[in-house]
Amino acid sequence: MPESLTALTFTVYKKEAQRGFKARVDKPVALFYYDQINEGYGRPVITRLLINQQGWLQNAICKPSPNYNERPEGTPVSLLVIHNISLPPGEFGGKYICDFFVNCLNPAEHPYFETISDLKVSAHLLIQRDGELVQFVSFDDRAWHAGNSCYEGAGNCNDFAIGIELEGTDDIPYTEDQYRALSAVTLALMEHYPSINIGRIVGHSDIAPDRKTDPGPAFDWPHYLSSLET
C-alpha cells in the first residue's frame, strides 16, 4: 500500500463510504483506503478481505501463536465467538495483547501481568481500536480462546469455533472502526466457512455464562448484526 494511503474504514456491500465517496463492489467484502495528502481525499483503493487456503486472512498482520492445535478430524468450523480483551485491564494500545497470545508477556512490566503470564491462550484474530487486524492462529486450526464452554449441547467450543478478540472492555463503547472491521471479517468468514451464519454468532458470555461476561453490554449487537444483512 502506498505510504500516502491511510486506512479509514471498512465497508460492506454497497454502502456509502466515509467522506462522501460511493463505491460499488462485486463481492460483499472490501477494505477501503483513502489518500489524505494535504487533507484531501483521493480515489479509494479497494482490497477484498480474503482468506487463503491455509486459513489466514491476507489483509491482517500475522503474528503466529504457539497456542493452538488441530481441530478434531471431520469437525466443520461452524461458530463465531466474539470476545474482548485489554491489557492492562481498561487500557488500550501497545503491544501487550500480542505479547500475551505469543507467550512473550513480561510479568515485570505490570503487576497484573504476573497473574496471567503463565497462561497459554490465543484467539484467531484481534481487532484493535483503530480497526487494525492481527491474526495469531489459522482459522482452520483450533485456537485456545473459549475454555470450558458449551453451545447448543456441544461442549469444547474451541473444537468448532473461531474466536475474535475486540480490544476493549465490557463497559467502554467499541469504536466504529472496530465494528466495520468486524463486519468485514465476519462476511469473509461466512463466505469461507458456510456453516457459520448470523444465527451462529455468539459472545463468550453465551457459551460460558458462569465464567465470562464479554463482549459485555457495551457491544452493540443490533448495529453489528444489521451490517451483515444483504
Protein backbone atom coordinates (compact mmCIF):
# COMPACT_ATOMS: atom_id res chain seq x y z
CA MET A 1 0.00 0.00 0.00
CA PRO A 2 1.47 3.41 -0.89
CA GLU A 3 2.63 5.43 2.10
CA SER A 4 0.16 8.22 1.27
CA LEU A 5 -2.81 5.92 1.85
CA THR A 6 -4.37 5.59 5.26
CA ALA A 7 -6.98 3.03 6.30
CA LEU A 8 -10.11 4.95 7.30
CA THR A 9 -12.93 2.48 7.11
CA PHE A 10 -14.09 -0.99 6.28
CA THR A 11 -17.30 -1.18 4.29
CA VAL A 12 -19.64 -3.97 3.32
CA TYR A 13 -21.95 -4.37 0.31
CA LYS A 14 -22.81 -1.13 -1.49
CA LYS A 15 -22.72 1.28 1.42
CA GLU A 16 -21.62 4.87 1.14
CA ALA A 17 -18.06 5.23 2.31
CA GLN A 18 -16.76 7.92 4.60
CA ARG A 19 -16.02 11.42 3.32
CA GLY A 20 -18.79 11.32 0.74
CA PHE A 21 -17.35 8.63 -1.51
CA LYS A 22 -19.58 5.99 -3.01
CA ALA A 23 -18.22 2.67 -4.16
CA ARG A 24 -19.64 -0.40 -5.82
CA VAL A 25 -18.01 -3.77 -5.28
CA ASP A 26 -18.61 -7.09 -6.96
CA LYS A 27 -18.09 -9.01 -3.73
CA PRO A 28 -19.62 -8.17 -0.36
CA VAL A 29 -16.35 -7.58 1.47
CA ALA A 30 -13.92 -4.75 0.77
CA LEU A 31 -11.35 -2.69 2.61
CA PHE A 32 -11.11 0.94 1.58
CA TYR A 33 -8.08 3.20 1.78
CA TYR A 34 -8.11 6.91 1.09
CA ASP A 35 -5.42 9.35 0.08
CA GLN A 36 -5.06 12.06 2.73
CA ILE A 37 -2.36 14.20 1.14
CA ASN A 38 -2.88 17.86 2.09
CA GLU A 39 -6.04 16.88 3.97
CA GLY A 40 -7.63 15.95 0.65
CA TYR A 41 -9.21 12.64 -0.23
CA GLY A 42 -8.36 10.79 -3.39
CA ARG A 43 -9.93 7.82 -5.13
CA PRO A 44 -10.49 4.75 -2.96
CA VAL A 45 -8.22 1.77 -3.37
CA ILE A 46 -10.22 -1.40 -2.82
CA THR A 47 -8.76 -4.60 -1.42
CA ARG A 48 -11.03 -7.54 -0.66
CA LEU A 49 -10.70 -9.32 2.64
CA LEU A 50 -9.56 -12.73 1.55
CA ILE A 51 -8.89 -15.91 3.50
CA ASN A 52 -6.25 -18.05 1.83
CA GLN A 53 -6.20 -21.82 1.53
CA GLN A 54 -4.23 -22.10 4.78
CA GLY A 55 -6.91 -20.21 6.72
CA TRP A 56 -5.05 -16.90 7.06
CA LEU A 57 -6.60 -13.52 6.39
CA GLN A 58 -4.44 -11.90 3.76
CA ASN A 59 -5.23 -8.38 4.99
CA ALA A 60 -4.14 -8.99 8.59
CA ILE A 61 -0.82 -8.64 10.36
CA CYS A 62 0.40 -12.16 11.02
CA LYS A 63 1.81 -13.00 14.47
CA PRO A 64 1.73 -16.82 14.75
CA SER A 65 0.99 -18.13 18.23
CA PRO A 66 2.23 -21.50 19.51
CA ASN A 67 -1.03 -21.86 21.45
CA TYR A 68 -3.16 -23.94 19.12
CA ASN A 69 -3.72 -27.47 17.90
CA GLU A 70 -5.64 -29.24 15.15
CA ARG A 71 -9.41 -29.44 15.23
CA PRO A 72 -10.90 -32.92 15.64
CA GLU A 73 -10.95 -34.70 12.31
CA GLY A 74 -14.13 -34.07 10.36
CA THR A 75 -15.31 -31.19 12.56
CA PRO A 76 -16.56 -28.25 10.47
CA VAL A 77 -15.91 -24.67 11.54
CA SER A 78 -19.43 -23.61 12.46
CA LEU A 79 -19.43 -20.95 15.22
CA LEU A 80 -18.06 -17.43 15.63
CA VAL A 81 -17.35 -16.23 19.17
CA ILE A 82 -16.84 -12.54 19.99
CA HIS A 83 -14.57 -11.72 22.95
CA ASN A 84 -12.95 -8.64 24.40
CA ILE A 85 -9.55 -8.06 25.95
CA SER A 86 -7.47 -5.16 27.21
CA LEU A 87 -4.01 -5.27 28.74
CA PRO A 88 -3.52 -3.91 31.29
CA PRO A 89 -7.25 -4.08 32.06
CA GLY A 90 -9.02 -0.97 30.86
CA GLU A 91 -6.03 0.33 28.90
CA PHE A 92 -5.73 0.34 25.13
CA GLY A 93 -2.86 0.44 22.68
CA GLY A 94 0.59 -1.03 22.99
CA LYS A 95 1.93 -4.50 22.39
CA TYR A 96 0.72 -6.39 25.42
CA ILE A 97 -2.20 -8.30 23.89
CA CYS A 98 0.01 -9.57 21.10
CA ASP A 99 2.75 -10.46 23.58
CA PHE A 100 0.21 -12.38 25.68
CA PHE A 101 -1.02 -14.50 22.78
CA VAL A 102 2.51 -15.42 21.66
CA ASN A 103 3.79 -16.19 25.20
CA CYS A 104 6.09 -13.16 25.38
CA LEU A 105 4.32 -11.12 28.06
CA ASN A 106 6.84 -9.76 30.56
CA PRO A 107 5.36 -10.06 34.09
CA ALA A 108 7.68 -7.31 35.33
CA GLU A 109 6.00 -4.67 33.13
CA HIS A 110 2.75 -4.50 35.14
CA PRO A 111 1.51 -6.11 38.37
CA TYR A 112 -1.49 -7.63 36.60
CA PHE A 113 0.77 -9.44 34.16
CA GLU A 114 2.15 -11.53 36.99
CA THR A 115 -1.28 -13.15 37.34
CA ILE A 116 -1.60 -14.19 33.69
CA SER A 117 1.92 -14.59 32.30
CA ASP A 118 1.86 -18.39 32.71
CA LEU A 119 -1.41 -18.83 30.81
CA LYS A 120 -1.27 -20.38 27.35
CA VAL A 121 -4.16 -18.91 25.39
CA SER A 122 -4.85 -17.46 21.98
CA ALA A 123 -7.51 -16.10 19.70
CA HIS A 124 -7.66 -16.46 15.97
CA LEU A 125 -7.87 -12.71 15.41
CA LEU A 126 -7.54 -9.43 17.29
CA ILE A 127 -9.29 -6.25 16.14
CA GLN A 128 -7.57 -3.24 17.67
CA ARG A 129 -9.24 0.06 18.49
CA ASP A 130 -8.33 1.57 15.12
CA GLY A 131 -9.65 -1.47 13.24
CA GLU A 132 -6.26 -2.99 12.55
CA LEU A 133 -6.34 -6.78 12.26
CA VAL A 134 -3.79 -9.11 13.85
CA GLN A 135 -4.08 -12.86 13.28
CA PHE A 136 -2.47 -15.41 15.60
CA VAL A 137 -3.89 -18.77 14.52
CA SER A 138 -5.15 -20.10 11.21
CA PHE A 139 -8.93 -20.19 11.12
CA ASP A 140 -8.61 -23.84 10.10
CA ASP A 141 -6.86 -24.66 13.39
CA ARG A 142 -8.11 -24.78 16.96
CA ALA A 143 -7.20 -21.64 18.91
CA TRP A 144 -7.43 -21.69 22.71
CA HIS A 145 -9.96 -18.94 23.38
CA ALA A 146 -13.25 -20.35 24.67
CA GLY A 147 -12.14 -22.52 27.59
CA ASN A 148 -14.82 -24.54 29.35
CA SER A 149 -17.81 -23.82 27.12
CA CYS A 150 -20.97 -25.21 25.59
CA TYR A 151 -23.16 -24.26 22.64
CA GLU A 152 -26.47 -25.99 21.92
CA GLY A 153 -25.38 -29.01 23.93
CA ALA A 154 -21.95 -29.30 22.30
CA GLY A 155 -19.05 -28.77 24.67
CA ASN A 156 -15.46 -27.77 23.94
CA CYS A 157 -16.44 -24.95 21.60
CA ASN A 158 -12.81 -24.45 20.61
CA ASP A 159 -13.22 -27.60 18.51
CA PHE A 160 -15.60 -25.92 16.07
CA ALA A 161 -15.42 -22.17 16.80
CA ILE A 162 -13.45 -19.17 15.61
CA GLY A 163 -12.56 -16.65 18.30
CA ILE A 164 -12.26 -12.93 17.56
CA GLU A 165 -10.99 -10.59 20.26
CA LEU A 166 -12.01 -6.93 20.23
CA GLU A 167 -9.63 -4.66 22.08
CA GLY A 168 -11.99 -3.28 24.68
CA THR A 169 -13.92 -3.82 27.89
CA ASP A 170 -17.49 -4.73 28.80
CA ASP A 171 -18.46 -1.15 29.63
CA ILE A 172 -16.49 1.11 27.25
CA PRO A 173 -18.05 1.61 23.80
CA TYR A 174 -16.25 -0.11 20.96
CA THR A 175 -15.10 2.06 18.08
CA GLU A 176 -16.83 2.36 14.75
CA ASP A 177 -13.58 1.23 13.12
CA GLN A 178 -13.88 -1.99 15.10
CA TYR A 179 -17.47 -2.58 14.02
CA ARG A 180 -16.58 -2.01 10.38
CA ALA A 181 -13.61 -4.35 10.63
CA LEU A 182 -15.62 -7.00 12.46
CA SER A 183 -18.38 -6.85 9.86
CA ALA A 184 -15.95 -7.23 7.00
CA VAL A 185 -14.15 -10.13 8.68
CA THR A 186 -17.44 -11.82 9.53
CA LEU A 187 -18.63 -11.67 5.94
CA ALA A 188 -15.33 -13.14 4.76
CA LEU A 189 -15.65 -15.94 7.32
CA MET A 190 -19.24 -16.74 6.33
CA GLU A 191 -18.17 -16.93 2.71
CA HIS A 192 -15.21 -19.18 3.50
CA TYR A 193 -16.95 -21.34 6.13
CA PRO A 194 -20.60 -21.81 5.05
CA SER A 195 -21.56 -23.46 8.36
CA ILE A 196 -21.16 -20.05 10.04
CA ASN A 197 -24.25 -17.89 9.64
CA ILE A 198 -25.82 -14.99 11.52
CA GLY A 199 -27.58 -17.41 13.82
CA ARG A 200 -24.26 -18.95 14.85
CA ILE A 201 -22.51 -15.82 16.08
CA VAL A 202 -22.30 -15.52 19.87
CA GLY A 203 -20.48 -13.75 22.65
CA HIS A 204 -18.12 -15.51 25.01
CA SER A 205 -20.74 -14.94 27.72
CA ASP A 206 -23.24 -17.02 25.72
CA ILE A 207 -21.10 -20.15 25.75
CA ALA A 208 -19.55 -19.73 29.21
CA PRO A 209 -22.19 -17.77 31.18
CA ASP A 210 -20.92 -18.83 34.59
CA ARG A 211 -17.41 -17.54 33.89
CA LYS A 212 -17.48 -14.84 31.27
CA THR A 213 -19.27 -11.55 30.54
CA ASP A 214 -17.63 -10.40 27.31
CA PRO A 215 -18.16 -8.71 24.96
CA GLY A 216 -20.40 -7.06 27.54
CA PRO A 217 -23.22 -4.52 27.44
CA ALA A 218 -21.05 -2.02 25.58
CA PHE A 219 -21.17 -4.22 22.48
CA ASP A 220 -23.93 -3.11 20.11
CA TRP A 221 -25.30 -6.40 18.79
CA PRO A 222 -28.09 -4.87 16.64
CA HIS A 223 -25.63 -2.49 14.99
CA TYR A 224 -23.19 -5.30 14.24
CA LEU A 225 -25.72 -7.88 13.05
CA SER A 226 -27.58 -5.40 10.85
CA SER A 227 -24.34 -4.72 8.99
CA LEU A 228 -24.27 -8.37 7.91
CA GLU A 229 -27.68 -8.27 6.21
CA THR A 230 -27.86 -8.17 2.43
